[in-house]
C-alpha cells in the first residue's frame, strides 16, 4: 500500500470515528412504558381505613387517579399505602431491567406528604422463595415531592437495598448489592408517617429508559475497531514485507547468475525492442539474445557443455493463410494472439516464448531435453486443438510441432534447422502432430 492510499484510508477512518462519536448521543433509546397502559397489572397494598376497607382505592381509574386515606387513629410511624405494578406473571419470572439506566415518571401528588418512595422487588432463588412475598430483594429510593414537578428522571443507580430487608432476612454480604435482573414489582408509596386526611396521586407516565448500546460499549467498539484495524494493517504489512523479501532474494540470486553476461548485452537491449507488439511474445531479436546468453552460461559452467542448454519447440499454425484469406487479417491477428496465450499458459515461468515469423512460434525450455519438450509440445497441441476460436463464428485451429534440443557444442542454427526439418515432417504427415528431430542433420 503506497503512502497516498494509506493516508486516504487513515483520513477516512478518522472521519468515520468522529462521526461515530457524535452519532452515539443520537442513537435511539429503548423504553419500557408501564403507564399509561391499556391493560396494566397492578394491586394496592394498604392498611385498613376508617370503615375497615383498604385505605388505598381508585378515585378515577381511567385517569390513573388513586387516593390513600389513613384512619384518624393511626399512630404508627409508617402506614402502608402503596400502588404496585406487576412485572411478572407467576411471581418468579420477572422483567430484566439491568439494561435500563433511569426511571422516567410524571406524577401529581396532592396532600401533605413530603416524600414519595419508589421501590422494586427482585426475585433471586439464592435468597427468594415463592411462599414469602417479602423475600424479593427490596430496593428503593425516596424522592422529595418538590422534585416531582413535571416529568422527572430518576437514575436507577439511586436505588439502594433497604437495611431493614437485609437485617430481617439475614442476607449475606455477597447478596447485599442492588439487582435489577428479575424485577417482579414496582411500587409507589408514601415514605413517611401519614396524618389523617386524603393523599391523592395522579400517575401520568411511568417508564424505564435505557440505551440499546451503552456509551461505554459504543466507545469500546470504536476502540476495538481501531485496534483491529491497526493489528490487521501490521499483519498485512509484515506478510507483504516477508513476501517481498523472499521475492527479492530469489530475484537477486537469479540476477547474480546472469549479471556478467547481461551487462554486455544491456546497450543492445536498450536500442532494440525485444517484444512482438501483437502477441507480447519475444520477437526474433529477443530470442537470439536469450539463446546467446544461455549458450554462454552453459559453456562457462560446464566447460565442454555435456548437458543440454535447452530444448526447442517450433510451432506453425496449420493453414493460416487460409484463415487470413477467408476470414480477414483481423481474425488472423486474433488467432495469433489466442495461440500465443495458450502457449504462454502451458509453459513454465522460466521458459521463453517467441514469435519467429508470421504464424510461427518458438519455445525455449532451458535445461530440458527433447523428451520433455515433445511432451510439452503435445500438451500445447491438444490445448490448441481443443480450443474454440472465434466463438461468434466458430473456427477450428490446429498447429504442427517440431522438437529438438541443443547437442554439445552445436551451433544454434543447426539446432533450429533440425527442429525446422521435424516441423516440415509434421506438416507432411498430415499436420496437427508433433515430430521429434533426429540428432543428425543428414538423417533427415
Protein backbone atom coordinates (compact mmCIF):
# COMPACT_ATOMS: atom_id res chain seq x y z
CA UNK A 1 0.00 0.00 0.00
CA UNK A 2 1.51 3.31 -1.06
CA UNK A 3 1.67 6.34 1.22
CA UNK A 4 -1.03 8.24 -0.65
CA UNK A 5 -3.53 5.41 -0.38
CA UNK A 6 -2.66 4.79 3.26
CA UNK A 7 -3.14 8.46 4.13
CA UNK A 8 -6.52 8.48 2.37
CA UNK A 9 -7.70 5.42 4.30
CA UNK A 10 -6.41 6.91 7.56
CA UNK A 11 -8.28 10.17 6.96
CA UNK A 12 -11.47 8.24 6.17
CA UNK A 13 -11.07 6.19 9.36
CA UNK A 14 -10.59 9.35 11.45
CA UNK A 15 -13.64 10.96 9.86
CA UNK A 16 -15.71 7.80 10.46
CA UNK A 17 -14.56 7.74 14.10
CA UNK A 18 -15.58 11.36 14.66
CA UNK A 19 -18.98 10.69 13.10
CA UNK A 20 -19.40 7.59 15.29
CA UNK A 21 -18.52 9.57 18.41
CA UNK A 22 -21.08 12.25 17.53
CA UNK A 23 -23.66 9.68 16.48
CA UNK A 24 -23.68 7.97 19.89
CA UNK A 25 -25.79 10.68 21.52
CA UNK A 26 -28.38 10.39 18.74
CA UNK A 27 -28.86 6.63 18.97
CA UNK A 28 -32.49 5.66 19.68
CA UNK A 29 -33.31 4.73 23.27
CA UNK A 30 -35.19 1.66 24.38
CA UNK A 31 -38.26 2.30 26.51
CA UNK A 32 -40.45 0.11 28.69
CA UNK A 33 -43.66 2.06 29.27
CA UNK A 34 -45.68 0.80 32.23
CA UNK A 35 -48.18 3.67 32.43
CA UNK A 36 -50.24 4.74 30.66
CA UNK A 37 -51.17 1.23 29.55
CA UNK A 38 -54.38 -0.30 28.28
CA UNK A 39 -54.07 -3.38 30.48
CA UNK A 40 -51.85 -2.62 33.48
CA UNK A 41 -51.39 -5.40 36.04
CA UNK A 42 -51.48 -3.78 39.45
CA UNK A 43 -52.61 -4.06 43.04
CA UNK A 44 -52.96 -1.79 46.07
CA UNK A 45 -51.26 -2.62 49.33
CA UNK A 46 -52.69 -0.64 52.21
CA UNK A 47 -53.79 -0.89 55.81
CA UNK A 48 -57.46 -0.61 56.78
CA UNK A 49 -59.20 2.75 56.58
CA UNK A 50 -61.88 4.22 58.89
CA UNK A 51 -64.55 1.74 57.80
CA UNK A 52 -62.21 -1.25 57.76
CA UNK A 53 -61.88 -1.31 53.95
CA UNK A 54 -58.42 -0.83 52.34
CA UNK A 55 -57.20 2.73 52.71
CA UNK A 56 -55.99 2.84 49.08
CA UNK A 57 -58.53 2.93 46.23
CA UNK A 58 -59.21 4.45 42.81
CA UNK A 59 -60.71 7.88 42.56
CA UNK A 60 -60.73 7.69 38.75
CA UNK A 61 -59.09 4.58 37.35
CA UNK A 62 -59.33 5.85 33.78
CA UNK A 63 -57.23 8.86 34.73
CA UNK A 64 -54.95 6.73 36.98
CA UNK A 65 -56.02 8.82 39.96
CA UNK A 66 -55.87 6.99 43.30
CA UNK A 67 -56.19 8.02 46.93
CA UNK A 68 -54.93 6.91 50.29
CA UNK A 69 -56.99 7.79 53.38
CA UNK A 70 -55.31 6.66 56.61
CA UNK A 71 -57.55 6.35 59.68
CA UNK A 72 -57.66 9.19 62.22
CA UNK A 73 -56.44 6.94 64.99
CA UNK A 74 -53.28 5.92 63.13
CA UNK A 75 -50.25 6.28 65.42
CA UNK A 76 -47.75 4.04 63.58
CA UNK A 77 -44.61 5.71 62.15
CA UNK A 78 -45.31 4.04 58.83
CA UNK A 79 -48.79 3.35 57.49
CA UNK A 80 -48.69 1.02 54.43
CA UNK A 81 -50.37 2.59 51.45
CA UNK A 82 -48.92 1.84 48.01
CA UNK A 83 -49.75 1.30 44.36
CA UNK A 84 -47.86 -1.60 42.77
CA UNK A 85 -47.33 -2.56 39.15
CA UNK A 86 -46.78 -6.25 38.46
CA UNK A 87 -43.88 -7.08 36.13
CA UNK A 88 -44.35 -10.85 36.35
CA UNK A 89 -47.00 -13.39 35.51
CA UNK A 90 -46.11 -16.07 38.04
CA UNK A 91 -44.15 -14.26 40.73
CA UNK A 92 -40.92 -15.98 39.70
CA UNK A 93 -40.05 -14.80 36.22
CA UNK A 94 -39.94 -11.03 36.25
CA UNK A 95 -38.59 -8.34 33.93
CA UNK A 96 -34.89 -7.77 33.32
CA UNK A 97 -34.26 -4.07 33.91
CA UNK A 98 -30.47 -4.32 34.04
CA UNK A 99 -30.25 -2.79 30.55
CA UNK A 100 -32.10 0.37 31.57
CA UNK A 101 -30.46 3.41 33.13
CA UNK A 102 -33.26 5.56 34.57
CA UNK A 103 -36.94 5.72 35.51
CA UNK A 104 -38.96 8.46 33.84
CA UNK A 105 -42.06 9.46 35.85
CA UNK A 106 -44.72 12.14 35.70
CA UNK A 107 -46.84 12.28 38.88
CA UNK A 108 -49.11 14.81 40.52
CA UNK A 109 -49.11 14.45 44.28
CA UNK A 110 -51.91 16.11 46.23
CA UNK A 111 -51.71 16.10 50.01
CA UNK A 112 -49.35 16.75 52.89
CA UNK A 113 -46.75 14.12 52.01
CA UNK A 114 -43.19 15.40 51.65
CA UNK A 115 -41.56 12.33 50.09
CA UNK A 116 -42.62 9.60 47.68
CA UNK A 117 -40.89 6.24 47.72
CA UNK A 118 -40.27 4.20 44.57
CA UNK A 119 -39.46 0.57 45.33
CA UNK A 120 -38.72 -2.57 43.30
CA UNK A 121 -38.60 -6.24 44.23
CA UNK A 122 -36.03 -8.53 42.61
CA UNK A 123 -36.62 -12.28 42.78
CA UNK A 124 -33.47 -14.42 43.07
CA UNK A 125 -33.65 -18.10 44.11
CA UNK A 126 -30.45 -17.53 46.09
CA UNK A 127 -32.46 -15.65 48.72
CA UNK A 128 -36.10 -15.55 47.48
CA UNK A 129 -38.90 -18.10 47.80
CA UNK A 130 -42.33 -18.11 46.13
CA UNK A 131 -44.01 -18.63 49.52
CA UNK A 132 -42.60 -15.45 51.07
CA UNK A 133 -43.60 -12.28 49.19
CA UNK A 134 -41.17 -10.30 51.32
CA UNK A 135 -38.17 -12.41 50.23
CA UNK A 136 -37.73 -10.47 46.98
CA UNK A 137 -34.86 -8.00 47.34
CA UNK A 138 -36.28 -4.59 48.30
CA UNK A 139 -34.50 -1.73 46.53
CA UNK A 140 -35.89 1.78 46.81
CA UNK A 141 -35.30 5.50 46.61
CA UNK A 142 -37.10 8.39 48.32
CA UNK A 143 -37.83 11.44 46.16
CA UNK A 144 -38.97 14.78 47.65
CA UNK A 145 -42.39 15.81 46.35
CA UNK A 146 -40.88 19.14 45.33
CA UNK A 147 -38.64 17.30 42.84
CA UNK A 148 -41.64 15.66 41.16
CA UNK A 149 -42.76 18.73 39.30
CA UNK A 150 -43.41 17.81 35.70
CA UNK A 151 -41.55 14.89 34.13
CA UNK A 152 -38.84 13.59 36.47
CA UNK A 153 -35.83 11.41 35.72
CA UNK A 154 -34.76 9.05 38.49
CA UNK A 155 -31.47 7.26 37.90
CA UNK A 156 -31.70 3.56 38.68
CA UNK A 157 -28.30 3.87 40.34
CA UNK A 158 -30.09 5.86 43.08
CA UNK A 159 -31.99 2.78 44.21
CA UNK A 160 -30.46 1.16 47.30
CA UNK A 161 -31.16 -2.07 49.14
CA UNK A 162 -33.19 -1.42 52.31
CA UNK A 163 -31.29 -2.09 55.52
CA UNK A 164 -34.41 -3.44 57.23
CA UNK A 165 -34.74 -6.05 54.48
CA UNK A 166 -31.09 -7.13 54.86
CA UNK A 167 -31.49 -7.41 58.64
CA UNK A 168 -34.87 -9.08 58.55
CA UNK A 169 -33.78 -11.90 56.21
CA UNK A 170 -30.19 -12.01 57.47
CA UNK A 171 -28.85 -11.61 53.91
CA UNK A 172 -25.13 -12.39 53.46
CA UNK A 173 -22.88 -9.63 52.15
CA UNK A 174 -22.45 -11.34 48.76
CA UNK A 175 -26.15 -10.65 48.02
CA UNK A 176 -26.36 -7.21 49.61
CA UNK A 177 -25.91 -5.20 46.41
CA UNK A 178 -28.79 -3.87 44.24
CA UNK A 179 -30.02 -6.18 41.47
CA UNK A 180 -32.39 -5.49 38.56
CA UNK A 181 -32.17 -8.68 36.53
CA UNK A 182 -35.55 -10.13 37.61
CA UNK A 183 -37.86 -7.36 38.87
CA UNK A 184 -41.32 -8.61 39.82
CA UNK A 185 -42.98 -5.41 41.09
CA UNK A 186 -42.59 -1.64 41.05
CA UNK A 187 -44.29 0.12 43.94
CA UNK A 188 -45.09 3.78 44.71
CA UNK A 189 -45.95 4.75 48.24
CA UNK A 190 -45.67 7.46 50.86
CA UNK A 191 -42.32 7.32 52.59
CA UNK A 192 -43.23 8.97 55.88
CA UNK A 193 -45.88 8.73 58.56
CA UNK A 194 -49.26 9.99 57.38
CA UNK A 195 -51.56 12.36 59.23
CA UNK A 196 -55.31 11.91 58.80
CA UNK A 197 -56.60 13.25 55.51
CA UNK A 198 -56.65 12.50 51.82
CA UNK A 199 -53.45 11.77 49.90
CA UNK A 200 -54.11 11.76 46.15
CA UNK A 201 -51.78 10.76 43.34
CA UNK A 202 -52.37 11.04 39.58
CA UNK A 203 -49.93 8.94 37.56
CA UNK A 204 -49.47 10.30 34.03
CA UNK A 205 -46.33 8.41 33.00
CA UNK A 206 -44.09 5.66 34.34
CA UNK A 207 -41.45 4.22 32.02
CA UNK A 208 -37.98 2.77 32.15
CA UNK A 209 -35.47 4.21 29.68
CA UNK A 210 -32.12 2.83 28.58
CA UNK A 211 -29.73 2.63 25.68
CA UNK A 212 -29.70 -0.16 23.13
CA UNK A 213 -25.95 0.31 23.10
CA UNK A 214 -24.38 1.92 26.15
CA UNK A 215 -21.87 4.73 25.72
CA UNK A 216 -19.18 2.54 27.25
CA UNK A 217 -19.94 -0.29 24.82
CA UNK A 218 -20.09 2.14 21.89
CA UNK A 219 -16.71 3.71 22.71
CA UNK A 220 -15.22 0.29 23.40
CA UNK A 221 -16.43 -0.87 19.98
CA UNK A 222 -14.75 2.15 18.34
CA UNK A 223 -11.54 1.46 20.24
CA UNK A 224 -11.72 -2.24 19.33
CA UNK A 225 -12.24 -1.35 15.66
CA UNK A 226 -9.12 0.84 15.74
CA UNK A 227 -7.08 -1.86 17.46
CA UNK A 228 -8.25 -4.50 14.97
CA UNK A 229 -7.50 -2.14 12.09
CA UNK A 230 -4.00 -1.40 13.37
CA UNK A 231 -3.37 -5.07 14.08
CA UNK A 232 -4.64 -6.12 10.63
CA UNK A 233 -2.54 -3.46 8.94
CA UNK A 234 0.55 -4.59 10.84
CA UNK A 235 -0.03 -8.26 9.96
CA UNK A 236 -0.69 -7.49 6.28
CA UNK A 237 2.35 -5.22 6.17
CA UNK A 238 4.56 -7.90 7.74
CA UNK A 239 3.25 -10.54 5.32
CA UNK A 240 3.90 -8.27 2.35
CA UNK A 241 7.37 -7.44 3.62
CA UNK A 242 8.11 -11.14 4.03
CA UNK A 243 6.82 -11.94 0.55
CA UNK A 244 8.72 -9.03 -0.92
CA UNK A 245 11.88 -10.09 0.90
CA UNK A 246 11.53 -13.66 -0.35
CA UNK A 247 10.90 -12.42 -3.88
CA UNK A 248 13.86 -10.05 -3.69
CA UNK A 249 16.15 -12.86 -2.57
CA UNK A 250 15.02 -15.01 -5.49
CA UNK A 251 15.49 -12.15 -7.92
CA UNK A 252 18.93 -11.33 -6.52
CA UNK A 253 20.04 -14.97 -6.76
CA UNK A 254 18.85 -15.17 -10.36
CA UNK A 255 20.36 -11.83 -11.32
CA UNK A 256 23.71 -12.79 -9.83
CA UNK A 257 23.91 -15.69 -12.27
CA UNK A 258 23.17 -13.58 -15.30
CA UNK A 259 24.70 -10.21 -14.38
CA UNK A 260 28.04 -10.68 -16.13
CA UNK A 261 26.53 -11.85 -19.42
CA UNK A 262 23.62 -9.45 -19.43
CA UNK A 263 25.87 -6.45 -18.71
CA UNK A 264 27.45 -6.79 -22.14
CA UNK A 265 24.07 -7.01 -23.79
CA UNK A 266 22.43 -4.11 -21.97
CA UNK A 267 23.17 -1.47 -24.58
CA UNK A 268 21.79 -3.66 -27.35
CA UNK A 269 18.55 -4.35 -25.45
CA UNK A 270 18.15 -0.64 -24.82
CA UNK A 271 18.37 0.12 -28.52
CA UNK A 272 16.15 -2.64 -29.80
CA UNK A 273 12.76 -3.80 -28.70
CA UNK A 274 12.61 -7.49 -27.85
CA UNK A 275 8.82 -7.95 -27.71
CA UNK A 276 6.40 -8.62 -30.54
CA UNK A 277 3.66 -5.95 -30.19
CA UNK A 278 0.84 -8.19 -31.43
CA UNK A 279 1.34 -11.30 -29.29
CA UNK A 280 3.51 -9.85 -26.49
CA UNK A 281 5.90 -12.78 -27.02
CA UNK A 282 9.62 -12.19 -27.63
CA UNK A 283 10.44 -11.19 -31.17
CA UNK A 284 13.19 -12.84 -33.19
CA UNK A 285 15.85 -10.48 -31.89
CA UNK A 286 14.83 -11.15 -28.31
CA UNK A 287 15.06 -14.92 -28.81
CA UNK A 288 18.51 -14.54 -30.34
CA UNK A 289 19.71 -12.67 -27.26
CA UNK A 290 18.26 -15.28 -24.91
CA UNK A 291 19.89 -18.11 -26.87
CA UNK A 292 23.27 -16.38 -26.86
CA UNK A 293 23.09 -15.86 -23.10
CA UNK A 294 22.10 -19.46 -22.36
CA UNK A 295 24.88 -20.87 -24.56
CA UNK A 296 27.49 -18.58 -22.98
CA UNK A 297 26.43 -19.56 -19.45
CA UNK A 298 26.43 -23.25 -20.29
CA UNK A 299 29.90 -23.14 -21.74
CA UNK A 300 31.23 -21.24 -18.74
CA UNK A 301 29.65 -23.51 -16.13
CA UNK A 302 30.05 -26.95 -17.78
CA UNK A 303 33.16 -26.47 -19.88
CA UNK A 304 32.62 -28.77 -22.81
CA UNK A 305 28.88 -28.47 -22.50
CA UNK A 306 27.89 -32.08 -21.71
CA UNK A 307 24.39 -31.09 -20.58
CA UNK A 308 21.77 -29.69 -22.97
CA UNK A 309 21.46 -25.90 -22.82
CA UNK A 310 17.84 -26.02 -23.83
CA UNK A 311 15.17 -27.83 -25.79
CA UNK A 312 13.49 -26.09 -28.69
CA UNK A 313 9.91 -26.32 -29.98
CA UNK A 314 8.91 -24.85 -33.33
CA UNK A 315 5.18 -24.29 -33.75
CA UNK A 316 3.42 -23.47 -37.01
CA UNK A 317 -0.32 -22.77 -37.25
CA UNK A 318 -1.84 -25.05 -39.87
CA UNK A 319 -3.44 -23.42 -42.95
CA UNK A 320 -3.01 -19.95 -41.52
CA UNK A 321 -3.05 -18.32 -44.96
CA UNK A 322 -6.49 -19.84 -45.49
CA UNK A 323 -7.68 -18.17 -42.28
CA UNK A 324 -6.42 -14.78 -43.46
CA UNK A 325 -7.89 -15.23 -46.93
CA UNK A 326 -11.31 -16.39 -45.76
CA UNK A 327 -11.77 -14.50 -42.51
CA UNK A 328 -9.54 -11.49 -42.95
CA UNK A 329 -6.38 -10.29 -41.26
CA UNK A 330 -8.20 -9.08 -38.16
CA UNK A 331 -9.34 -12.62 -37.47
CA UNK A 332 -5.84 -13.85 -38.24
CA UNK A 333 -4.39 -11.42 -35.70
CA UNK A 334 -6.84 -12.59 -33.02
CA UNK A 335 -5.94 -16.22 -33.74
CA UNK A 336 -2.23 -15.39 -33.34
CA UNK A 337 -2.92 -13.67 -30.02
CA UNK A 338 -5.05 -16.55 -28.76
CA UNK A 339 -2.45 -19.17 -29.74
CA UNK A 340 0.28 -17.14 -28.01
CA UNK A 341 -1.85 -17.01 -24.86
CA UNK A 342 -2.42 -20.79 -24.92
CA UNK A 343 1.31 -21.46 -25.30
CA UNK A 344 2.26 -18.96 -22.57
CA UNK A 345 -0.13 -20.64 -20.11
CA UNK A 346 1.25 -24.09 -20.88
CA UNK A 347 4.97 -23.41 -20.46
CA UNK A 348 6.82 -22.72 -17.21
CA UNK A 349 7.79 -19.38 -15.71
CA UNK A 350 11.43 -19.90 -16.66
CA UNK A 351 10.65 -20.90 -20.25
CA UNK A 352 10.63 -18.48 -23.19
CA UNK A 353 8.05 -17.91 -25.91
CA UNK A 354 8.85 -16.06 -29.11
CA UNK A 355 7.14 -15.24 -32.37
CA UNK A 356 9.64 -16.37 -35.01
CA UNK A 357 7.72 -15.45 -38.14
CA UNK A 358 4.22 -14.71 -39.38
CA UNK A 359 2.38 -17.72 -37.93
CA UNK A 360 5.41 -19.49 -36.49
CA UNK A 361 6.28 -19.55 -32.78
CA UNK A 362 9.34 -20.80 -30.94
CA UNK A 363 9.59 -22.07 -27.36
CA UNK A 364 12.90 -22.39 -25.48
CA UNK A 365 12.98 -24.75 -22.49
CA UNK A 366 16.22 -24.12 -20.52
CA UNK A 367 18.00 -27.22 -19.16
CA UNK A 368 15.41 -29.56 -20.71
CA UNK A 369 15.86 -32.49 -23.11
CA UNK A 370 13.81 -33.13 -26.19
CA UNK A 371 11.90 -35.95 -24.47
CA UNK A 372 10.45 -33.34 -22.09
CA UNK A 373 9.92 -30.95 -24.98
CA UNK A 374 7.91 -33.45 -27.05
CA UNK A 375 5.56 -33.98 -24.09
CA UNK A 376 5.23 -30.21 -23.73
CA UNK A 377 4.55 -29.90 -27.47
CA UNK A 378 1.75 -32.46 -27.25
CA UNK A 379 0.25 -30.61 -24.29
CA UNK A 380 0.21 -27.37 -26.28
CA UNK A 381 -1.07 -29.10 -29.41
CA UNK A 382 -4.02 -30.64 -27.58
CA UNK A 383 -4.83 -27.31 -25.95
CA UNK A 384 -4.91 -25.54 -29.32
CA UNK A 385 -6.91 -28.36 -30.93
CA UNK A 386 -9.41 -28.30 -28.05
CA UNK A 387 -9.97 -24.53 -28.10
CA UNK A 388 -12.94 -22.97 -29.88
CA UNK A 389 -11.63 -19.88 -31.64
CA UNK A 390 -13.92 -17.00 -32.63
CA UNK A 391 -16.98 -18.27 -30.67
CA UNK A 392 -19.39 -15.98 -32.54
CA UNK A 393 -18.29 -17.56 -35.82
CA UNK A 394 -16.53 -20.78 -34.72
CA UNK A 395 -13.16 -21.53 -36.23
CA UNK A 396 -11.15 -24.72 -35.76
CA UNK A 397 -7.40 -24.12 -35.47
CA UNK A 398 -4.60 -26.68 -35.26
CA UNK A 399 -0.80 -26.47 -35.25
CA UNK A 400 2.19 -28.64 -36.14
CA UNK A 401 5.27 -29.04 -33.97
CA UNK A 402 8.96 -29.77 -34.45
CA UNK A 403 11.10 -30.56 -31.40
CA UNK A 404 14.87 -30.71 -30.84
CA UNK A 405 17.47 -29.98 -28.17
CA UNK A 406 20.91 -28.43 -28.50
CA UNK A 407 23.63 -31.04 -28.74
CA UNK A 408 27.01 -30.42 -27.03
CA UNK A 409 28.97 -27.81 -28.97
CA UNK A 410 26.23 -27.48 -31.60
CA UNK A 411 25.53 -24.13 -33.25
CA UNK A 412 22.05 -22.76 -32.64
CA UNK A 413 21.38 -22.63 -36.37
CA UNK A 414 21.89 -26.39 -36.57
CA UNK A 415 19.63 -26.99 -33.55
CA UNK A 416 16.99 -24.79 -35.15
CA UNK A 417 17.39 -26.45 -38.54
CA UNK A 418 16.80 -29.92 -37.07
CA UNK A 419 13.62 -28.67 -35.36
CA UNK A 420 12.53 -27.00 -38.59
CA UNK A 421 13.02 -30.26 -40.52
CA UNK A 422 10.96 -32.07 -37.88
CA UNK A 423 8.25 -29.42 -38.26
CA UNK A 424 8.26 -29.97 -42.02
CA UNK A 425 7.84 -33.70 -41.41
CA UNK A 426 4.87 -32.99 -39.12
CA UNK A 427 3.28 -30.98 -41.92
CA UNK A 428 3.95 -33.79 -44.36
CA UNK A 429 2.36 -36.33 -42.02
CA UNK A 430 -0.95 -34.51 -42.18
CA UNK A 431 -0.42 -31.61 -39.74
CA UNK A 432 -1.73 -31.31 -36.16
CA UNK A 433 1.03 -33.54 -34.81
CA UNK A 434 4.44 -33.33 -33.14
CA UNK A 435 7.71 -34.76 -34.51
CA UNK A 436 10.98 -35.12 -32.63
CA UNK A 437 14.10 -34.16 -34.61
CA UNK A 438 16.94 -36.55 -35.31
CA UNK A 439 20.30 -35.87 -33.64
CA UNK A 440 21.97 -35.66 -37.06
CA UNK A 441 21.09 -33.32 -39.86
CA UNK A 442 21.92 -35.88 -42.53
CA UNK A 443 19.48 -38.37 -41.01
CA UNK A 444 16.50 -36.35 -42.27
